[in-house]
Protein backbone atom coordinates (compact mmCIF):
# COMPACT_ATOMS: atom_id res chain seq x y z
CA UNK A 1 -14.60 33.79 -3.92
CA UNK A 2 -12.47 35.57 -1.53
CA UNK A 3 -10.04 32.67 -1.25
CA UNK A 4 -9.20 32.81 -4.80
CA UNK A 5 -5.74 34.57 -4.32
CA UNK A 6 -4.68 31.61 -2.22
CA UNK A 7 -5.48 29.22 -5.19
CA UNK A 8 -3.46 31.21 -7.50
CA UNK A 9 -0.38 30.89 -5.19
CA UNK A 10 -0.74 27.11 -4.83
CA UNK A 11 -0.77 26.62 -8.66
CA UNK A 12 2.71 27.95 -8.82
CA UNK A 13 3.90 25.46 -6.03
CA UNK A 14 7.03 27.62 -5.40
CA UNK A 15 9.26 26.48 -2.54
CA UNK A 16 8.48 29.62 -0.44
CA UNK A 17 4.77 29.94 -0.87
CA UNK A 18 3.46 26.39 -1.49
CA UNK A 19 3.98 24.99 2.06
CA UNK A 20 2.15 27.81 3.73
CA UNK A 21 -0.62 27.65 1.33
CA UNK A 22 -1.08 23.87 1.61
CA UNK A 23 -0.92 24.15 5.41
CA UNK A 24 -3.75 26.54 5.23
CA UNK A 25 -6.08 24.25 3.14
CA UNK A 26 -5.07 21.20 5.30
CA UNK A 27 -6.29 23.28 8.29
CA UNK A 28 -9.56 24.03 6.41
CA UNK A 29 -10.02 20.30 5.56
CA UNK A 30 -9.35 19.31 9.32
CA UNK A 31 -11.91 21.83 10.61
CA UNK A 32 -14.55 20.82 8.12
CA UNK A 33 -13.99 17.13 9.00
CA UNK A 34 -14.07 17.99 12.82
CA UNK A 35 -17.29 19.90 12.49
CA UNK A 36 -18.97 17.26 10.51
CA UNK A 37 -18.09 14.66 12.79
CA UNK A 38 -19.36 16.91 15.81
CA UNK A 39 -22.66 17.39 13.84
CA UNK A 40 -22.82 13.65 12.86
CA UNK A 41 -23.37 14.63 9.24
CA UNK A 42 -22.49 11.60 6.84
CA UNK A 43 -23.04 12.62 3.14
CA UNK A 44 -21.22 15.65 1.62
CA UNK A 45 -22.55 17.84 -1.23
CA UNK A 46 -21.52 20.90 -2.75
CA UNK A 47 -24.00 23.03 -0.91
CA UNK A 48 -22.85 21.77 2.33
CA UNK A 49 -22.07 24.64 4.78
CA UNK A 50 -19.06 22.73 6.27
CA UNK A 51 -17.77 21.84 2.87
CA UNK A 52 -18.25 24.91 0.66
CA UNK A 53 -14.86 26.28 0.83
CA UNK A 54 -12.77 23.16 0.05
CA UNK A 55 -15.46 22.02 -2.48
CA UNK A 56 -15.09 25.02 -4.66
CA UNK A 57 -11.36 24.74 -4.45
CA UNK A 58 -11.36 21.10 -5.33
CA UNK A 59 -11.14 21.35 -9.19
CA UNK A 60 -8.08 23.38 -8.65
CA UNK A 61 -6.28 21.55 -6.05
CA UNK A 62 -6.32 17.91 -7.03
CA UNK A 63 -5.12 18.18 -10.64
CA UNK A 64 -2.23 20.50 -9.58
CA UNK A 65 -1.20 18.41 -6.89
CA UNK A 66 -1.31 15.27 -8.79
CA UNK A 67 0.52 17.08 -11.65
CA UNK A 68 3.30 18.03 -9.25
CA UNK A 69 3.74 14.50 -7.84
CA UNK A 70 3.63 13.00 -11.42
CA UNK A 71 6.34 15.46 -12.56
CA UNK A 72 8.39 14.63 -9.30
CA UNK A 73 8.37 10.91 -9.87
CA UNK A 74 9.93 11.50 -13.41
CA UNK A 75 12.57 13.67 -11.85
CA UNK A 76 13.37 11.33 -8.88
CA UNK A 77 12.57 7.87 -9.71
CA UNK A 78 10.63 5.96 -6.86
CA UNK A 79 9.61 9.11 -5.10
CA UNK A 80 5.82 8.33 -5.21
CA UNK A 81 6.50 4.90 -3.77
CA UNK A 82 8.51 6.38 -1.04
CA UNK A 83 5.62 8.89 -0.22
CA UNK A 84 3.27 5.76 -0.07
CA UNK A 85 5.58 4.16 2.32
CA UNK A 86 5.58 7.22 4.37
CA UNK A 87 1.70 7.26 4.25
CA UNK A 88 1.22 3.67 4.91
CA UNK A 89 3.70 3.49 7.93
CA UNK A 90 1.12 5.30 9.93
CA UNK A 91 -1.25 2.38 9.68
CA UNK A 92 1.26 -0.46 9.51
CA UNK A 93 2.76 0.72 12.81
CA UNK A 94 -0.45 -0.42 14.38
CA UNK A 95 -0.07 -3.87 13.12
CA UNK A 96 3.20 -4.23 14.73
CA UNK A 97 5.26 -3.76 11.58
CA UNK A 98 8.50 -1.71 11.97
CA UNK A 99 8.03 1.54 10.02
CA UNK A 100 11.07 2.87 7.99
CA UNK A 101 11.62 6.75 8.05
CA UNK A 102 11.15 8.39 4.76
CA UNK A 103 14.63 10.02 4.97
CA UNK A 104 16.18 6.50 5.38
CA UNK A 105 14.29 5.20 2.36
CA UNK A 106 15.56 8.15 0.29
CA UNK A 107 19.26 7.54 1.20
CA UNK A 108 19.15 3.70 1.60
CA UNK A 109 20.86 2.99 -1.73
CA UNK A 110 23.18 5.81 -1.30
CA UNK A 111 24.44 4.55 1.80
CA UNK A 112 25.90 1.35 0.30
CA UNK A 113 28.17 3.24 -2.15
CA UNK A 114 31.83 3.57 -1.93
CA UNK A 115 33.19 5.77 1.04
CA UNK A 116 36.04 6.81 -1.15
CA UNK A 117 33.61 8.96 -3.08
CA UNK A 118 32.83 11.15 -0.04
CA UNK A 119 36.38 12.89 -0.38
CA UNK A 120 35.54 15.95 -2.23
CA UNK A 121 37.01 19.37 -2.00
CA UNK A 122 35.35 22.07 0.36
CA UNK A 123 33.78 24.05 -2.61
CA UNK A 124 32.00 20.84 -3.70
CA UNK A 125 30.85 20.14 -0.05
CA UNK A 126 29.27 23.52 0.03
CA UNK A 127 27.48 22.95 -3.07
CA UNK A 128 26.24 19.64 -2.00
CA UNK A 129 25.02 20.96 1.28
CA UNK A 130 22.95 23.68 -0.74
CA UNK A 131 21.56 20.89 -3.07
CA UNK A 132 20.60 18.77 -0.07
CA UNK A 133 18.74 21.71 1.40
CA UNK A 134 16.80 22.15 -1.82
CA UNK A 135 16.05 18.48 -1.96
CA UNK A 136 14.72 18.59 1.60
CA UNK A 137 12.50 21.56 0.80
CA UNK A 138 11.00 19.74 -2.21
CA UNK A 139 10.62 16.70 -0.30
CA UNK A 140 8.55 18.61 2.42
CA UNK A 141 6.42 19.99 -0.36
CA UNK A 142 5.83 16.27 -1.76
CA UNK A 143 4.73 15.33 1.81
CA UNK A 144 2.51 18.20 2.08
CA UNK A 145 0.94 17.44 -1.34
CA UNK A 146 0.16 13.77 -0.18
CA UNK A 147 -1.20 14.93 3.10
CA UNK A 148 -3.37 17.38 1.52
CA UNK A 149 -4.80 15.05 -1.07
CA UNK A 150 -5.57 12.52 1.65
CA UNK A 151 -7.52 15.39 3.68
CA UNK A 152 -9.33 16.52 0.58
CA UNK A 153 -10.51 12.81 -0.01
CA UNK A 154 -11.70 12.64 3.66
CA UNK A 155 -13.58 15.90 3.23
CA UNK A 156 -15.51 15.75 0.05
CA UNK A 157 -15.25 11.70 -0.37
CA UNK A 158 -16.66 10.51 -3.58
CA UNK A 159 -16.23 13.76 -5.41
CA UNK A 160 -12.51 13.33 -5.58
CA UNK A 161 -12.60 10.05 -7.52
CA UNK A 162 -13.71 11.56 -10.91
CA UNK A 163 -11.05 14.17 -10.64
CA UNK A 164 -8.15 11.73 -9.83
CA UNK A 165 -9.50 9.37 -12.62
CA UNK A 166 -9.04 12.27 -15.05
CA UNK A 167 -5.32 12.32 -14.01
CA UNK A 168 -4.95 8.66 -14.00
CA UNK A 169 -6.45 8.10 -17.46
CA UNK A 170 -3.95 10.33 -18.96
CA UNK A 171 -0.93 8.66 -17.50
CA UNK A 172 -1.90 4.90 -16.83
CA UNK A 173 -1.12 3.81 -20.45
CA UNK A 174 1.92 5.87 -21.12
CA UNK A 175 5.10 4.15 -22.33
CA UNK A 176 7.10 5.64 -19.58
CA UNK A 177 6.68 3.53 -16.59
CA UNK A 178 7.36 6.36 -14.16
CA UNK A 179 4.05 7.92 -15.41
CA UNK A 180 2.15 4.54 -14.89
CA UNK A 181 3.82 4.27 -11.28
CA UNK A 182 2.60 7.70 -10.44
CA UNK A 183 -0.96 6.98 -11.78
CA UNK A 184 -1.37 3.92 -9.70
CA UNK A 185 0.20 5.52 -6.59
CA UNK A 186 -2.49 8.53 -6.93
CA UNK A 187 -5.08 5.80 -6.00
CA UNK A 188 -3.24 4.94 -2.82
CA UNK A 189 -3.40 8.64 -1.70
CA UNK A 190 -7.20 8.80 -1.64
CA UNK A 191 -8.46 5.50 -0.16
CA UNK A 192 -9.55 7.03 3.10
CA UNK A 193 -12.70 9.07 2.56
CA UNK A 194 -14.53 7.86 -0.55
CA UNK A 195 -17.14 5.28 -0.30
CA UNK A 196 -16.86 1.51 -1.38
CA UNK A 197 -19.18 2.19 -4.29
CA UNK A 198 -17.17 5.28 -5.31
CA UNK A 199 -13.89 3.46 -5.24
CA UNK A 200 -15.02 0.20 -6.90
CA UNK A 201 -13.94 1.13 -10.40
CA UNK A 202 -10.50 1.62 -9.05
CA UNK A 203 -10.37 -1.99 -7.88
CA UNK A 204 -10.70 -3.18 -11.42
CA UNK A 205 -8.08 -0.81 -12.59
CA UNK A 206 -5.51 -2.05 -10.03
CA UNK A 207 -6.41 -5.78 -11.08
CA UNK A 208 -5.76 -4.69 -14.64
CA UNK A 209 -2.40 -3.03 -13.82
CA UNK A 210 -1.05 -6.37 -12.24
CA UNK A 211 -0.56 -7.33 -15.83
CA UNK A 212 2.05 -4.31 -16.31
CA UNK A 213 5.25 -5.26 -17.81
CA UNK A 214 7.27 -3.30 -15.12
CA UNK A 215 7.77 -5.12 -11.91
CA UNK A 216 7.95 -1.87 -9.99
CA UNK A 217 4.57 -0.67 -11.14
CA UNK A 218 3.20 -4.25 -10.36
CA UNK A 219 4.78 -4.25 -6.85
CA UNK A 220 3.18 -0.92 -6.00
CA UNK A 221 -0.14 -1.99 -7.46
CA UNK A 222 -0.16 -5.01 -5.23
CA UNK A 223 0.82 -2.99 -2.25
CA UNK A 224 -2.06 -0.62 -2.88
CA UNK A 225 -4.46 -3.58 -3.32
CA UNK A 226 -3.53 -4.78 0.15
CA UNK A 227 -4.07 -1.35 1.73
CA UNK A 228 -7.49 -1.24 -0.13
CA UNK A 229 -8.27 -4.61 1.38
CA UNK A 230 -7.29 -3.41 4.79
CA UNK A 231 -9.59 -0.25 4.64
CA UNK A 232 -12.50 -1.41 2.54
CA UNK A 233 -13.04 -5.17 3.04
CA UNK A 234 -16.00 -5.68 5.27
CA UNK A 235 -17.52 -9.00 4.60
CA UNK A 236 -19.44 -9.07 7.93
CA UNK A 237 -21.35 -5.92 6.76
CA UNK A 238 -22.01 -6.99 3.22
CA UNK A 239 -20.71 -3.64 2.15
CA UNK A 240 -17.09 -4.15 1.30
CA UNK A 241 -14.99 -3.71 -1.80
CA UNK A 242 -14.73 -7.53 -2.29
CA UNK A 243 -17.98 -9.17 -3.51
CA UNK A 244 -18.94 -12.71 -4.55
CA UNK A 245 -18.86 -11.28 -8.06
CA UNK A 246 -15.28 -10.00 -8.00
CA UNK A 247 -13.70 -12.35 -5.58
CA UNK A 248 -12.72 -15.08 -8.20
CA UNK A 249 -11.03 -12.66 -10.38
CA UNK A 250 -9.18 -11.16 -7.33
CA UNK A 251 -8.08 -14.71 -6.40
CA UNK A 252 -7.01 -15.53 -9.85
CA UNK A 253 -4.78 -12.44 -10.14
CA UNK A 254 -3.24 -12.71 -6.65
CA UNK A 255 -2.44 -16.51 -7.10
CA UNK A 256 -0.86 -15.84 -10.53
CA UNK A 257 1.10 -12.84 -9.38
CA UNK A 258 2.41 -14.58 -6.37
CA UNK A 259 4.83 -16.45 -8.74
CA UNK A 260 6.35 -13.21 -9.92
CA UNK A 261 9.70 -11.95 -8.74
CA UNK A 262 10.15 -11.24 -5.03
CA UNK A 263 9.57 -7.74 -4.89
CA UNK A 264 6.18 -8.33 -6.46
CA UNK A 265 5.46 -11.50 -4.64
CA UNK A 266 6.08 -10.08 -1.23
CA UNK A 267 3.46 -7.48 -1.91
CA UNK A 268 1.03 -9.77 -3.27
CA UNK A 269 1.31 -11.98 -0.12
CA UNK A 270 0.61 -8.87 1.91
CA UNK A 271 -2.65 -8.31 -0.24
CA UNK A 272 -3.76 -11.95 0.68
CA UNK A 273 -3.06 -11.44 4.24
CA UNK A 274 -5.33 -8.38 4.47
CA UNK A 275 -7.89 -10.27 2.22
CA UNK A 276 -7.97 -13.24 4.63
CA UNK A 277 -7.92 -11.11 7.71
CA UNK A 278 -11.18 -9.14 6.61
CA UNK A 279 -13.11 -12.52 7.21
CA UNK A 280 -12.20 -12.56 10.99
CA UNK A 281 -15.36 -10.90 11.90
CA UNK A 282 -17.50 -12.77 9.43
CA UNK A 283 -19.42 -15.95 10.19
CA UNK A 284 -17.50 -18.08 7.92
CA UNK A 285 -15.22 -18.01 4.77
CA UNK A 286 -17.19 -17.58 1.76
CA UNK A 287 -17.53 -20.61 -0.54
CA UNK A 288 -15.81 -18.81 -3.29
CA UNK A 289 -12.63 -18.33 -1.17
CA UNK A 290 -12.94 -21.99 0.01
CA UNK A 291 -12.88 -23.30 -3.49
CA UNK A 292 -9.61 -21.29 -4.04
CA UNK A 293 -8.01 -22.34 -0.73
CA UNK A 294 -5.78 -25.12 -2.18
CA UNK A 295 -4.59 -22.67 -4.93
CA UNK A 296 -3.87 -20.07 -2.37
CA UNK A 297 -1.95 -22.29 -0.02
CA UNK A 298 0.12 -23.74 -2.92
CA UNK A 299 0.92 -20.19 -4.02
CA UNK A 300 2.14 -19.03 -0.51
CA UNK A 301 4.10 -22.17 0.20
CA UNK A 302 5.75 -21.86 -3.20
CA UNK A 303 6.44 -18.19 -2.53
CA UNK A 304 8.03 -19.10 0.81
CA UNK A 305 10.16 -22.00 -0.50
CA UNK A 306 13.09 -22.49 1.86
CA UNK A 307 16.21 -21.65 -0.12
CA UNK A 308 19.19 -19.22 -0.24
CA UNK A 309 17.46 -17.28 -2.86
CA UNK A 310 14.30 -16.71 -1.16
CA UNK A 311 14.52 -13.21 0.72
CA UNK A 312 13.40 -13.49 4.35
CA UNK A 313 10.86 -10.73 3.85
CA UNK A 314 9.15 -12.61 1.12
CA UNK A 315 9.01 -15.84 3.26
CA UNK A 316 7.84 -13.91 6.48
CA UNK A 317 5.06 -12.13 4.28
CA UNK A 318 3.91 -15.50 2.85
CA UNK A 319 3.88 -17.27 6.15
CA UNK A 320 1.94 -14.26 7.82
CA UNK A 321 -0.62 -14.69 4.90
CA UNK A 322 -0.78 -18.39 5.66
CA UNK A 323 -1.52 -17.65 9.40
CA UNK A 324 -4.21 -15.27 8.47
CA UNK A 325 -5.80 -17.92 5.96
CA UNK A 326 -5.73 -20.57 8.78
CA UNK A 327 -7.19 -18.23 11.26
CA UNK A 328 -10.42 -17.54 9.24
CA UNK A 329 -10.73 -21.16 7.79
CA UNK A 330 -14.01 -22.88 8.68
CA UNK A 331 -12.79 -26.60 9.36
CA UNK A 332 -16.37 -27.82 9.45
CA UNK A 333 -16.28 -27.53 5.50
CA UNK A 334 -14.84 -30.85 4.18
CA UNK A 335 -12.78 -28.97 1.38
CA UNK A 336 -11.34 -26.65 4.03
CA UNK A 337 -10.53 -29.44 6.57
CA UNK A 338 -8.65 -31.33 3.82
CA UNK A 339 -6.64 -28.22 2.60
CA UNK A 340 -5.70 -27.07 6.06
CA UNK A 341 -4.73 -30.62 7.12
CA UNK A 342 -2.49 -31.04 4.06
CA UNK A 343 -0.95 -27.63 4.92
CA UNK A 344 -0.13 -28.69 8.43
CA UNK A 345 1.67 -31.67 7.00
CA UNK A 346 3.70 -29.69 4.71
CA UNK A 347 4.58 -27.18 7.48
CA UNK A 348 5.85 -29.98 9.83
CA UNK A 349 7.88 -31.33 6.98
CA UNK A 350 9.67 -28.07 6.46
CA UNK A 351 10.06 -27.74 10.22
CA UNK A 352 11.73 -31.04 10.42
CA UNK A 353 14.09 -30.02 7.50
CA UNK A 354 15.25 -27.06 9.60
CA UNK A 355 15.71 -29.09 12.47
CA UNK A 356 18.01 -31.40 10.52
CA UNK A 357 19.81 -28.62 8.59
CA UNK A 358 23.25 -27.41 9.96
CA UNK A 359 23.97 -23.69 10.04
CA UNK A 360 27.74 -23.05 9.70
CA UNK A 361 27.67 -19.27 9.96
CA UNK A 362 26.03 -16.75 12.27
CA UNK A 363 23.85 -15.50 9.28
CA UNK A 364 22.71 -19.13 8.42
CA UNK A 365 21.79 -19.53 12.12
CA UNK A 366 19.74 -16.40 12.28
CA UNK A 367 17.95 -17.42 9.24
CA UNK A 368 17.32 -20.89 10.55
CA UNK A 369 16.02 -19.64 13.81
CA UNK A 370 13.67 -17.12 12.12
CA UNK A 371 12.31 -19.75 9.79
CA UNK A 372 11.52 -22.01 12.68
CA UNK A 373 9.83 -19.01 14.47
CA UNK A 374 7.51 -18.36 11.50
CA UNK A 375 6.82 -22.06 10.89
CA UNK A 376 5.75 -22.57 14.44
CA UNK A 377 3.54 -19.50 14.15
CA UNK A 378 1.57 -21.25 11.51
CA UNK A 379 1.11 -24.32 13.52
CA UNK A 380 0.13 -22.36 16.53
CA UNK A 381 -2.72 -20.56 14.75
CA UNK A 382 -4.05 -24.10 13.58
CA UNK A 383 -3.88 -25.31 17.26
CA UNK A 384 -5.84 -22.37 18.46
CA UNK A 385 -8.63 -22.91 15.96
């Protein structure tokens, strides 16, 4: 293979060579995808003339890229989660959500430190600048790794799943939670490309990891579940990741985990939102979901319970999920009519409480106004049905 020298260089992932090598392979992937779309070619196999280069290199690329990301997660806690945020922002921006730059995420905690700590001598400042340049270079390589993984997934589709699974299985049960976090995050990097059938086993794995003892792993897992539902939930076509067989378990897991701590509960509410939104193009809400409607509503109302301890992001996420549930509810079903009617009564009660509550500070006034907005939003969706 004439491209073998390029593969040897990417294996080293040195700061000087790796970016150029990955840019090359990203370009190859993009050209393969473009040619395939122009020729309206659906399935991809090892003998495809549009896929031969990247397919032959696949077994070398995927494990190396994932190994690099797994190692970086251990060196810099939370890195893969930040890379997921960087990846997901490209889609979340289309939903009206405000994206957060990756650099800001990396520096968010540091910005809250004591300003006095910034007073260092000139020699230390030079060393810090050099360290920052090195960190930026590594971060660019990390982003290139994620980008290349996504392009490989779009190019060779289902063939990437078993290769990723090999890396996941070696880390998903590790005692170190960083390894488990990296393993779960690997699924989020390849969701665009493989078929629903190819990714179906990964859904079961994600549902299992919602039992992980570490809250950061659970929160990231719920986050990836939401993205999976967004990309692969097609009830109208009867070819989605969610089926009548697995929906009951999905609902049990989401309802149970909505009671977790806020950083987990918020992402679970997001997963419920995308699950419900998938039924917008379907003729009606499935009976399996209708039977769980009372539990879902109770879970979301509990997560958004008005109190000073409830983060606004959690409450907003829960109310947004409630709006999605109301939007797809078939009020001709008696059980749905009863559940939605009870929901509206409880929302009105909460709205009355906010109108009677005094806000003494500017922060309390803003929180009160924001709560009234989201409550009225739920009522508006009910009114338009």
